[in-house]
Amino acid sequence: MTRIIAGQYGGRRIQTPKGDGTRPTSDRVREALFSSLESELGGFVAELRVLDLFAGSGALGLEALSRGAGSAQFVESDPKAAAVVRANVKELGAPAAVARVTAERYLRDTPAEAFSLVFIDPPYALPTAQVAALVATIKASCAAPEALFVVERSTRDPFVWPDGVEGLRSKKYGETTLWYGR
């Protein structure tokens, strides 16, 4: 089981999908990520809208909500993982919606929304160029002007931001690297 680290839901445990299809972000990496985000954002505010692509258990978006973000949209194509995210959202009473579609289909079919914080944590096997293309699509269609992007990838796969997104920094945590861009 995974736990929410801090905020309104701090200490609460959430379910994680069973099987090989997901790779939950460790508590240690999430704690470092959110310490960095709170510094970058100056804290989480109720107006902050979060997009969590490849949501898995929803831990990243739920942590943002716990710390004060206003709402979250979870996107997960795996039926079992999407059911876990829905159960976690319901259990916490979180202000969130869950879409059980691929990231590409969600971005193609969903009306433009202004997301301020975007988490992209795809399976490590997804080619880096495809992840960068998703970032470019989000930037063009549904990102707020100063949106902050966080991409989680294998440390073995370097990530290059698409045109229009400035890379801010990256941080390695063993096999996982987080890339921050705006």
N, C-alpha and C. Protein backbone atom coordinates (compact mmCIF):
# COMPACT_ATOMS: atom_id res chain seq x y z
N MET A 1 0.83 -1.19 0.00
CA MET A 1 0.00 0.00 0.00
C MET A 1 0.87 1.25 0.00
N THR A 2 0.35 2.27 -0.59
CA THR A 2 1.01 3.57 -0.67
C THR A 2 0.26 4.52 0.24
N ARG A 3 0.94 5.51 0.76
CA ARG A 3 0.27 6.48 1.63
C ARG A 3 0.41 7.89 1.07
N ILE A 4 -0.54 8.73 1.41
CA ILE A 4 -0.45 10.16 1.11
C ILE A 4 0.49 10.74 2.18
N ILE A 5 1.43 11.55 1.77
CA ILE A 5 2.49 11.98 2.67
C ILE A 5 2.08 13.14 3.57
N ALA A 6 1.46 14.17 3.00
CA ALA A 6 1.18 15.37 3.80
C ALA A 6 -0.15 16.00 3.38
N GLY A 7 -0.58 16.97 4.19
CA GLY A 7 -1.78 17.72 3.85
C GLY A 7 -3.04 17.11 4.43
N GLN A 8 -4.16 17.48 3.83
CA GLN A 8 -5.49 17.08 4.29
C GLN A 8 -5.64 15.56 4.42
N TYR A 9 -5.08 14.81 3.47
CA TYR A 9 -5.19 13.35 3.49
C TYR A 9 -3.92 12.70 4.02
N GLY A 10 -3.01 13.47 4.58
CA GLY A 10 -1.72 12.97 5.04
C GLY A 10 -1.85 11.75 5.94
N GLY A 11 -1.05 10.74 5.65
CA GLY A 11 -1.06 9.51 6.42
C GLY A 11 -2.07 8.47 5.96
N ARG A 12 -3.04 8.90 5.14
CA ARG A 12 -4.05 7.95 4.65
C ARG A 12 -3.42 7.02 3.61
N ARG A 13 -3.79 5.79 3.67
CA ARG A 13 -3.29 4.80 2.71
C ARG A 13 -4.24 4.75 1.51
N ILE A 14 -3.65 4.52 0.34
CA ILE A 14 -4.44 4.36 -0.88
C ILE A 14 -4.07 3.02 -1.51
N GLN A 15 -5.01 2.51 -2.28
CA GLN A 15 -4.79 1.25 -2.99
C GLN A 15 -3.85 1.49 -4.17
N THR A 16 -3.14 0.43 -4.56
CA THR A 16 -2.33 0.47 -5.79
C THR A 16 -2.77 -0.69 -6.67
N PRO A 17 -2.72 -0.49 -7.99
CA PRO A 17 -3.10 -1.58 -8.89
C PRO A 17 -2.16 -2.77 -8.76
N LYS A 18 -2.72 -3.94 -8.89
CA LYS A 18 -1.94 -5.18 -8.82
C LYS A 18 -1.48 -5.56 -10.22
N GLY A 19 -0.33 -6.18 -10.31
CA GLY A 19 0.15 -6.68 -11.60
C GLY A 19 1.31 -5.87 -12.15
N ASP A 20 1.69 -6.20 -13.38
CA ASP A 20 2.88 -5.61 -13.99
C ASP A 20 2.60 -4.31 -14.75
N GLY A 21 1.36 -3.91 -14.87
CA GLY A 21 1.02 -2.77 -15.71
C GLY A 21 1.36 -1.41 -15.13
N THR A 22 1.60 -1.31 -13.83
CA THR A 22 1.88 0.00 -13.23
C THR A 22 3.13 -0.07 -12.37
N ARG A 23 3.71 1.08 -12.17
CA ARG A 23 4.92 1.22 -11.37
C ARG A 23 4.72 2.44 -10.48
N PRO A 24 4.17 2.23 -9.27
CA PRO A 24 3.88 3.37 -8.41
C PRO A 24 5.15 4.16 -8.06
N THR A 25 5.01 5.47 -8.03
CA THR A 25 6.11 6.33 -7.60
C THR A 25 6.32 6.10 -6.11
N SER A 26 7.56 5.84 -5.72
CA SER A 26 7.83 5.53 -4.32
C SER A 26 7.52 6.73 -3.41
N ASP A 27 7.25 6.44 -2.14
CA ASP A 27 6.98 7.51 -1.17
C ASP A 27 8.15 8.49 -1.11
N ARG A 28 9.38 7.97 -1.16
CA ARG A 28 10.56 8.83 -1.08
C ARG A 28 10.64 9.80 -2.26
N VAL A 29 10.38 9.30 -3.47
CA VAL A 29 10.42 10.16 -4.66
C VAL A 29 9.27 11.17 -4.61
N ARG A 30 8.08 10.73 -4.21
CA ARG A 30 6.94 11.67 -4.11
C ARG A 30 7.21 12.75 -3.09
N GLU A 31 7.79 12.39 -1.96
CA GLU A 31 8.08 13.38 -0.94
C GLU A 31 9.05 14.43 -1.47
N ALA A 32 10.11 14.00 -2.16
CA ALA A 32 11.07 14.94 -2.75
C ALA A 32 10.41 15.78 -3.84
N LEU A 33 9.58 15.15 -4.67
CA LEU A 33 8.88 15.86 -5.74
C LEU A 33 8.01 16.97 -5.17
N PHE A 34 7.24 16.67 -4.15
CA PHE A 34 6.31 17.67 -3.62
C PHE A 34 7.02 18.74 -2.81
N SER A 35 8.13 18.44 -2.20
CA SER A 35 8.92 19.49 -1.55
C SER A 35 9.42 20.46 -2.61
N SER A 36 9.88 19.93 -3.73
CA SER A 36 10.36 20.76 -4.82
C SER A 36 9.22 21.59 -5.42
N LEU A 37 8.06 20.96 -5.62
CA LEU A 37 6.91 21.68 -6.19
C LEU A 37 6.43 22.80 -5.29
N GLU A 38 6.38 22.55 -3.99
CA GLU A 38 5.93 23.60 -3.08
C GLU A 38 6.87 24.79 -3.12
N SER A 39 8.15 24.53 -3.30
CA SER A 39 9.11 25.61 -3.44
C SER A 39 8.90 26.35 -4.77
N GLU A 40 8.74 25.60 -5.86
CA GLU A 40 8.56 26.18 -7.20
C GLU A 40 7.25 26.96 -7.31
N LEU A 41 6.19 26.42 -6.74
CA LEU A 41 4.86 27.02 -6.88
C LEU A 41 4.56 28.02 -5.77
N GLY A 42 5.37 28.06 -4.74
CA GLY A 42 5.07 28.92 -3.59
C GLY A 42 3.89 28.37 -2.79
N GLY A 43 3.71 27.05 -2.81
CA GLY A 43 2.60 26.40 -2.12
C GLY A 43 1.49 26.05 -3.10
N PHE A 44 0.62 25.18 -2.70
CA PHE A 44 -0.51 24.76 -3.54
C PHE A 44 -1.70 25.63 -3.21
N VAL A 45 -2.41 26.08 -4.24
CA VAL A 45 -3.56 26.95 -4.03
C VAL A 45 -4.81 26.29 -4.61
N ALA A 46 -5.96 26.72 -4.13
CA ALA A 46 -7.23 26.10 -4.52
C ALA A 46 -7.53 26.23 -6.01
N GLU A 47 -6.94 27.21 -6.68
CA GLU A 47 -7.19 27.40 -8.11
C GLU A 47 -6.37 26.44 -8.97
N LEU A 48 -5.40 25.77 -8.39
CA LEU A 48 -4.51 24.90 -9.14
C LEU A 48 -5.27 23.69 -9.66
N ARG A 49 -5.24 23.52 -10.99
CA ARG A 49 -5.87 22.37 -11.64
C ARG A 49 -4.78 21.41 -12.07
N VAL A 50 -4.93 20.14 -11.70
CA VAL A 50 -3.90 19.13 -11.92
C VAL A 50 -4.36 18.12 -12.96
N LEU A 51 -3.47 17.78 -13.88
CA LEU A 51 -3.69 16.69 -14.84
C LEU A 51 -2.68 15.61 -14.52
N ASP A 52 -3.16 14.40 -14.26
CA ASP A 52 -2.31 13.26 -13.92
C ASP A 52 -2.50 12.21 -15.01
N LEU A 53 -1.60 12.22 -16.02
CA LEU A 53 -1.66 11.25 -17.10
C LEU A 53 -0.95 9.97 -16.68
N PHE A 54 -1.46 8.83 -17.15
CA PHE A 54 -0.93 7.53 -16.76
C PHE A 54 -1.00 7.43 -15.23
N ALA A 55 -2.17 7.66 -14.70
CA ALA A 55 -2.36 7.88 -13.26
C ALA A 55 -2.00 6.71 -12.37
N GLY A 56 -2.12 5.48 -12.84
CA GLY A 56 -1.80 4.33 -11.97
C GLY A 56 -2.74 4.28 -10.78
N SER A 57 -2.23 4.56 -9.59
CA SER A 57 -3.05 4.60 -8.38
C SER A 57 -3.65 5.99 -8.15
N GLY A 58 -3.12 6.99 -8.85
CA GLY A 58 -3.55 8.37 -8.63
C GLY A 58 -2.75 9.06 -7.54
N ALA A 59 -1.67 8.44 -7.07
CA ALA A 59 -0.92 8.97 -5.93
C ALA A 59 -0.40 10.39 -6.17
N LEU A 60 0.07 10.70 -7.37
CA LEU A 60 0.62 12.04 -7.62
C LEU A 60 -0.48 13.10 -7.54
N GLY A 61 -1.56 12.90 -8.25
CA GLY A 61 -2.66 13.87 -8.22
C GLY A 61 -3.32 13.97 -6.85
N LEU A 62 -3.46 12.82 -6.17
CA LEU A 62 -4.07 12.84 -4.84
C LEU A 62 -3.18 13.56 -3.83
N GLU A 63 -1.88 13.41 -3.96
CA GLU A 63 -0.96 14.14 -3.09
C GLU A 63 -1.10 15.65 -3.32
N ALA A 64 -1.22 16.06 -4.59
CA ALA A 64 -1.41 17.48 -4.90
C ALA A 64 -2.72 18.00 -4.29
N LEU A 65 -3.78 17.21 -4.41
CA LEU A 65 -5.06 17.61 -3.82
C LEU A 65 -4.96 17.69 -2.30
N SER A 66 -4.28 16.74 -1.70
CA SER A 66 -4.11 16.74 -0.26
C SER A 66 -3.41 18.00 0.23
N ARG A 67 -2.51 18.51 -0.59
CA ARG A 67 -1.72 19.68 -0.22
C ARG A 67 -2.40 21.00 -0.62
N GLY A 68 -3.61 20.94 -1.18
CA GLY A 68 -4.37 22.15 -1.42
C GLY A 68 -4.73 22.47 -2.85
N ALA A 69 -4.32 21.66 -3.82
CA ALA A 69 -4.73 21.91 -5.21
C ALA A 69 -6.26 21.85 -5.29
N GLY A 70 -6.83 22.61 -6.23
CA GLY A 70 -8.28 22.73 -6.31
C GLY A 70 -9.00 21.53 -6.89
N SER A 71 -8.45 20.92 -7.94
CA SER A 71 -9.09 19.78 -8.58
C SER A 71 -8.06 19.00 -9.38
N ALA A 72 -8.43 17.77 -9.72
CA ALA A 72 -7.53 16.93 -10.51
C ALA A 72 -8.32 16.13 -11.53
N GLN A 73 -7.68 15.91 -12.67
CA GLN A 73 -8.20 15.03 -13.71
C GLN A 73 -7.21 13.89 -13.84
N PHE A 74 -7.68 12.67 -13.60
CA PHE A 74 -6.84 11.49 -13.74
C PHE A 74 -7.15 10.82 -15.06
N VAL A 75 -6.12 10.40 -15.78
CA VAL A 75 -6.29 9.70 -17.05
C VAL A 75 -5.51 8.39 -16.95
N GLU A 76 -6.23 7.29 -17.12
CA GLU A 76 -5.63 5.95 -17.01
C GLU A 76 -6.36 5.02 -17.97
N SER A 77 -5.61 4.34 -18.84
CA SER A 77 -6.25 3.47 -19.83
C SER A 77 -6.49 2.05 -19.32
N ASP A 78 -5.71 1.59 -18.35
CA ASP A 78 -5.88 0.23 -17.85
C ASP A 78 -7.15 0.16 -16.99
N PRO A 79 -8.07 -0.75 -17.32
CA PRO A 79 -9.33 -0.81 -16.57
C PRO A 79 -9.17 -1.05 -15.07
N LYS A 80 -8.25 -1.95 -14.71
CA LYS A 80 -8.05 -2.25 -13.28
C LYS A 80 -7.45 -1.05 -12.55
N ALA A 81 -6.47 -0.41 -13.17
CA ALA A 81 -5.85 0.76 -12.54
C ALA A 81 -6.86 1.90 -12.44
N ALA A 82 -7.66 2.12 -13.48
CA ALA A 82 -8.68 3.19 -13.44
C ALA A 82 -9.68 2.93 -12.30
N ALA A 83 -10.03 1.66 -12.09
CA ALA A 83 -10.95 1.33 -11.00
C ALA A 83 -10.30 1.63 -9.64
N VAL A 84 -9.01 1.39 -9.52
CA VAL A 84 -8.29 1.70 -8.29
C VAL A 84 -8.28 3.21 -8.05
N VAL A 85 -8.01 3.99 -9.10
CA VAL A 85 -8.01 5.45 -8.96
C VAL A 85 -9.40 5.92 -8.50
N ARG A 86 -10.44 5.41 -9.15
CA ARG A 86 -11.81 5.79 -8.76
C ARG A 86 -12.08 5.47 -7.30
N ALA A 87 -11.66 4.28 -6.86
CA ALA A 87 -11.86 3.89 -5.46
C ALA A 87 -11.10 4.81 -4.52
N ASN A 88 -9.87 5.18 -4.88
CA ASN A 88 -9.08 6.09 -4.05
C ASN A 88 -9.71 7.47 -3.97
N VAL A 89 -10.17 7.98 -5.10
CA VAL A 89 -10.83 9.29 -5.13
C VAL A 89 -12.08 9.26 -4.25
N LYS A 90 -12.87 8.20 -4.38
CA LYS A 90 -14.10 8.08 -3.59
C LYS A 90 -13.79 7.96 -2.10
N GLU A 91 -12.83 7.13 -1.75
CA GLU A 91 -12.46 6.91 -0.35
C GLU A 91 -12.02 8.21 0.32
N LEU A 92 -11.27 9.03 -0.42
CA LEU A 92 -10.77 10.29 0.14
C LEU A 92 -11.78 11.43 0.01
N GLY A 93 -12.79 11.26 -0.84
CA GLY A 93 -13.72 12.36 -1.10
C GLY A 93 -13.03 13.49 -1.83
N ALA A 94 -12.10 13.15 -2.71
CA ALA A 94 -11.28 14.15 -3.40
C ALA A 94 -12.03 14.80 -4.56
N PRO A 95 -11.79 16.09 -4.82
CA PRO A 95 -12.41 16.79 -5.95
C PRO A 95 -11.70 16.42 -7.25
N ALA A 96 -12.08 15.29 -7.82
CA ALA A 96 -11.37 14.77 -8.98
C ALA A 96 -12.30 13.98 -9.89
N ALA A 97 -11.86 13.84 -11.14
CA ALA A 97 -12.55 13.01 -12.11
C ALA A 97 -11.55 12.02 -12.68
N VAL A 98 -12.05 10.88 -13.12
CA VAL A 98 -11.20 9.83 -13.69
C VAL A 98 -11.71 9.50 -15.09
N ALA A 99 -10.81 9.55 -16.07
CA ALA A 99 -11.14 9.17 -17.44
C ALA A 99 -10.39 7.88 -17.76
N ARG A 100 -11.14 6.85 -18.16
CA ARG A 100 -10.50 5.58 -18.54
C ARG A 100 -10.34 5.54 -20.05
N VAL A 101 -9.31 6.24 -20.51
CA VAL A 101 -8.96 6.30 -21.93
C VAL A 101 -7.45 6.43 -22.02
N THR A 102 -6.93 6.28 -23.24
CA THR A 102 -5.50 6.52 -23.42
C THR A 102 -5.23 8.02 -23.28
N ALA A 103 -4.02 8.35 -22.98
CA ALA A 103 -3.63 9.76 -22.86
C ALA A 103 -3.87 10.48 -24.19
N GLU A 104 -3.51 9.83 -25.28
CA GLU A 104 -3.69 10.45 -26.60
C GLU A 104 -5.17 10.72 -26.89
N ARG A 105 -6.02 9.76 -26.58
CA ARG A 105 -7.45 9.96 -26.84
C ARG A 105 -8.02 11.05 -25.93
N TYR A 106 -7.63 11.06 -24.68
CA TYR A 106 -8.10 12.10 -23.77
C TYR A 106 -7.73 13.48 -24.33
N LEU A 107 -6.50 13.63 -24.74
CA LEU A 107 -6.04 14.94 -25.24
C LEU A 107 -6.71 15.31 -26.56
N ARG A 108 -7.03 14.32 -27.37
CA ARG A 108 -7.69 14.58 -28.65
C ARG A 108 -9.17 14.93 -28.48
N ASP A 109 -9.87 14.24 -27.57
CA ASP A 109 -11.32 14.35 -27.47
C ASP A 109 -11.85 15.27 -26.38
N THR A 110 -11.02 15.69 -25.47
CA THR A 110 -11.49 16.47 -24.33
C THR A 110 -11.40 17.95 -24.62
N PRO A 111 -12.43 18.70 -24.27
CA PRO A 111 -12.38 20.15 -24.47
C PRO A 111 -11.19 20.75 -23.71
N ALA A 112 -10.70 21.83 -24.24
CA ALA A 112 -9.55 22.50 -23.63
C ALA A 112 -9.86 22.92 -22.20
N GLU A 113 -8.94 22.63 -21.32
CA GLU A 113 -9.00 23.05 -19.93
C GLU A 113 -7.66 23.67 -19.61
N ALA A 114 -7.60 24.49 -18.61
CA ALA A 114 -6.35 25.14 -18.26
C ALA A 114 -5.72 24.45 -17.06
N PHE A 115 -4.91 23.43 -17.32
CA PHE A 115 -4.22 22.73 -16.25
C PHE A 115 -2.95 23.49 -15.88
N SER A 116 -2.73 23.68 -14.59
CA SER A 116 -1.57 24.42 -14.10
C SER A 116 -0.41 23.52 -13.74
N LEU A 117 -0.71 22.28 -13.41
CA LEU A 117 0.31 21.31 -13.02
C LEU A 117 0.00 20.00 -13.74
N VAL A 118 1.00 19.48 -14.46
CA VAL A 118 0.79 18.28 -15.26
C VAL A 118 1.82 17.23 -14.87
N PHE A 119 1.33 16.06 -14.45
CA PHE A 119 2.19 14.92 -14.16
C PHE A 119 2.08 13.94 -15.32
N ILE A 120 3.23 13.51 -15.83
CA ILE A 120 3.27 12.50 -16.88
C ILE A 120 4.23 11.42 -16.42
N ASP A 121 3.66 10.28 -16.06
CA ASP A 121 4.43 9.16 -15.52
C ASP A 121 4.07 7.89 -16.29
N PRO A 122 4.49 7.84 -17.58
CA PRO A 122 4.11 6.70 -18.42
C PRO A 122 4.96 5.47 -18.11
N PRO A 123 4.54 4.32 -18.64
CA PRO A 123 5.40 3.14 -18.53
C PRO A 123 6.77 3.47 -19.12
N TYR A 124 7.82 2.97 -18.49
CA TYR A 124 9.17 3.28 -18.96
C TYR A 124 9.39 2.82 -20.39
N ALA A 125 8.65 1.82 -20.84
CA ALA A 125 8.81 1.32 -22.21
C ALA A 125 8.30 2.29 -23.27
N LEU A 126 7.48 3.27 -22.90
CA LEU A 126 6.97 4.24 -23.87
C LEU A 126 8.13 5.08 -24.38
N PRO A 127 8.33 5.15 -25.69
CA PRO A 127 9.47 5.89 -26.23
C PRO A 127 9.47 7.37 -25.80
N THR A 128 10.65 7.87 -25.54
CA THR A 128 10.81 9.25 -25.09
C THR A 128 10.20 10.24 -26.08
N ALA A 129 10.36 9.99 -27.37
CA ALA A 129 9.79 10.89 -28.38
C ALA A 129 8.27 10.97 -28.25
N GLN A 130 7.64 9.86 -27.92
CA GLN A 130 6.18 9.84 -27.75
C GLN A 130 5.78 10.64 -26.51
N VAL A 131 6.56 10.56 -25.45
CA VAL A 131 6.28 11.33 -24.24
C VAL A 131 6.43 12.83 -24.54
N ALA A 132 7.48 13.20 -25.25
CA ALA A 132 7.68 14.60 -25.63
C ALA A 132 6.54 15.10 -26.51
N ALA A 133 6.02 14.24 -27.38
CA ALA A 133 4.88 14.63 -28.22
C ALA A 133 3.64 14.87 -27.37
N LEU A 134 3.43 14.08 -26.34
CA LEU A 134 2.31 14.31 -25.42
C LEU A 134 2.45 15.66 -24.72
N VAL A 135 3.66 15.98 -24.27
CA VAL A 135 3.91 17.27 -23.63
C VAL A 135 3.57 18.40 -24.60
N ALA A 136 4.00 18.29 -25.85
CA ALA A 136 3.72 19.33 -26.85
C ALA A 136 2.22 19.48 -27.07
N THR A 137 1.49 18.36 -27.11
CA THR A 137 0.04 18.42 -27.30
C THR A 137 -0.63 19.10 -26.11
N ILE A 138 -0.21 18.75 -24.91
CA ILE A 138 -0.78 19.38 -23.71
C ILE A 138 -0.50 20.87 -23.72
N LYS A 139 0.72 21.24 -24.03
CA LYS A 139 1.11 22.66 -24.06
C LYS A 139 0.22 23.43 -25.03
N ALA A 140 -0.06 22.83 -26.18
CA ALA A 140 -0.86 23.50 -27.21
C ALA A 140 -2.35 23.50 -26.93
N SER A 141 -2.85 22.50 -26.17
CA SER A 141 -4.30 22.35 -26.07
C SER A 141 -4.91 22.63 -24.70
N CYS A 142 -4.23 22.27 -23.63
CA CYS A 142 -4.94 22.35 -22.35
C CYS A 142 -4.08 22.79 -21.18
N ALA A 143 -2.94 23.38 -21.45
CA ALA A 143 -2.09 23.85 -20.36
C ALA A 143 -2.31 25.34 -20.13
N ALA A 144 -2.31 25.73 -18.86
CA ALA A 144 -2.34 27.15 -18.53
C ALA A 144 -1.03 27.77 -19.03
N PRO A 145 -1.01 29.08 -19.26
CA PRO A 145 0.19 29.71 -19.82
C PRO A 145 1.49 29.42 -19.05
N GLU A 146 1.44 29.36 -17.75
CA GLU A 146 2.64 29.11 -16.95
C GLU A 146 2.62 27.71 -16.33
N ALA A 147 2.01 26.76 -17.01
CA ALA A 147 1.89 25.40 -16.47
C ALA A 147 3.25 24.80 -16.17
N LEU A 148 3.29 24.03 -15.10
CA LEU A 148 4.48 23.31 -14.70
C LEU A 148 4.28 21.84 -15.06
N PHE A 149 5.26 21.27 -15.76
CA PHE A 149 5.22 19.87 -16.16
C PHE A 149 6.23 19.08 -15.34
N VAL A 150 5.83 17.87 -14.91
CA VAL A 150 6.75 16.95 -14.26
C VAL A 150 6.65 15.63 -15.01
N VAL A 151 7.78 15.20 -15.57
CA VAL A 151 7.83 13.94 -16.31
C VAL A 151 8.70 12.97 -15.52
N GLU A 152 8.18 11.78 -15.29
CA GLU A 152 8.94 10.73 -14.60
C GLU A 152 9.33 9.67 -15.61
N ARG A 153 10.63 9.39 -15.67
CA ARG A 153 11.16 8.41 -16.62
C ARG A 153 12.25 7.59 -15.96
N SER A 154 12.66 6.54 -16.64
CA SER A 154 13.81 5.77 -16.20
C SER A 154 15.05 6.64 -16.32
N THR A 155 15.94 6.51 -15.38
CA THR A 155 17.21 7.24 -15.42
C THR A 155 18.00 6.89 -16.68
N ARG A 156 17.79 5.71 -17.22
CA ARG A 156 18.51 5.28 -18.43
C ARG A 156 18.01 5.95 -19.70
N ASP A 157 16.84 6.59 -19.65
CA ASP A 157 16.25 7.22 -20.84
C ASP A 157 16.29 8.73 -20.70
N PRO A 158 17.23 9.39 -21.37
CA PRO A 158 17.25 10.85 -21.29
C PRO A 158 15.98 11.43 -21.88
N PHE A 159 15.55 12.55 -21.34
CA PHE A 159 14.33 13.19 -21.81
C PHE A 159 14.68 14.55 -22.39
N VAL A 160 14.08 14.87 -23.53
CA VAL A 160 14.29 16.17 -24.18
C VAL A 160 12.93 16.84 -24.31
N TRP A 161 12.82 18.07 -23.78
CA TRP A 161 11.57 18.81 -23.83
C TRP A 161 11.28 19.25 -25.26
N PRO A 162 10.01 19.27 -25.66
CA PRO A 162 9.67 19.77 -27.00
C PRO A 162 9.80 21.29 -27.05
N ASP A 163 9.81 21.83 -28.25
CA ASP A 163 9.85 23.28 -28.42
C ASP A 163 8.69 23.92 -27.67
N GLY A 164 8.95 25.04 -27.04
CA GLY A 164 7.91 25.76 -26.32
C GLY A 164 7.85 25.43 -24.84
N VAL A 165 8.60 24.42 -24.40
CA VAL A 165 8.66 24.07 -22.98
C VAL A 165 10.11 24.18 -22.53
N GLU A 166 10.32 25.01 -21.54
CA GLU A 166 11.68 25.22 -21.01
C GLU A 166 11.97 24.19 -19.92
N GLY A 167 13.04 23.46 -20.10
CA GLY A 167 13.47 22.53 -19.06
C GLY A 167 14.04 23.31 -17.88
N LEU A 168 13.55 23.04 -16.69
CA LEU A 168 14.01 23.75 -15.50
C LEU A 168 15.13 23.00 -14.79
N ARG A 169 14.94 21.70 -14.59
CA ARG A 169 15.94 20.89 -13.91
C ARG A 169 15.50 19.43 -13.98
N SER A 170 16.41 18.56 -13.58
CA SER A 170 16.08 17.15 -13.42
C SER A 170 16.74 16.67 -12.14
N LYS A 171 16.17 15.62 -11.58
CA LYS A 171 16.70 15.06 -10.34
C LYS A 171 16.58 13.54 -10.41
N LYS A 172 17.71 12.87 -10.11
CA LYS A 172 17.74 11.41 -10.16
C LYS A 172 17.50 10.83 -8.77
N TYR A 173 16.73 9.75 -8.75
CA TYR A 173 16.47 8.97 -7.53
C TYR A 173 16.65 7.50 -7.90
N GLY A 174 17.89 7.03 -7.96
CA GLY A 174 18.15 5.66 -8.37
C GLY A 174 17.72 5.44 -9.81
N GLU A 175 16.79 4.51 -10.03
CA GLU A 175 16.31 4.17 -11.36
C GLU A 175 15.34 5.20 -11.93
N THR A 176 14.86 6.12 -11.10
CA THR A 176 13.87 7.11 -11.52
C THR A 176 14.50 8.50 -11.64
N THR A 177 14.14 9.21 -12.70
CA THR A 177 14.54 10.61 -12.84
C THR A 177 13.27 11.44 -13.07
N LEU A 178 13.19 12.57 -12.39
CA LEU A 178 12.10 13.53 -12.59
C LEU A 178 12.65 14.70 -13.38
N TRP A 179 11.92 15.08 -14.43
CA TRP A 179 12.25 16.26 -15.23
C TRP A 179 11.16 17.31 -15.00
N TYR A 180 11.57 18.53 -14.71
CA TYR A 180 10.65 19.64 -14.47
C TYR A 180 10.77 20.62 -15.64
N GLY A 181 9.62 21.07 -16.16
CA GLY A 181 9.63 22.02 -17.27
C GLY A 181 8.45 22.97 -17.17
N ARG A 182 8.61 24.12 -17.82
CA ARG A 182 7.54 25.14 -17.82
C ARG A 182 7.38 25.70 -19.22
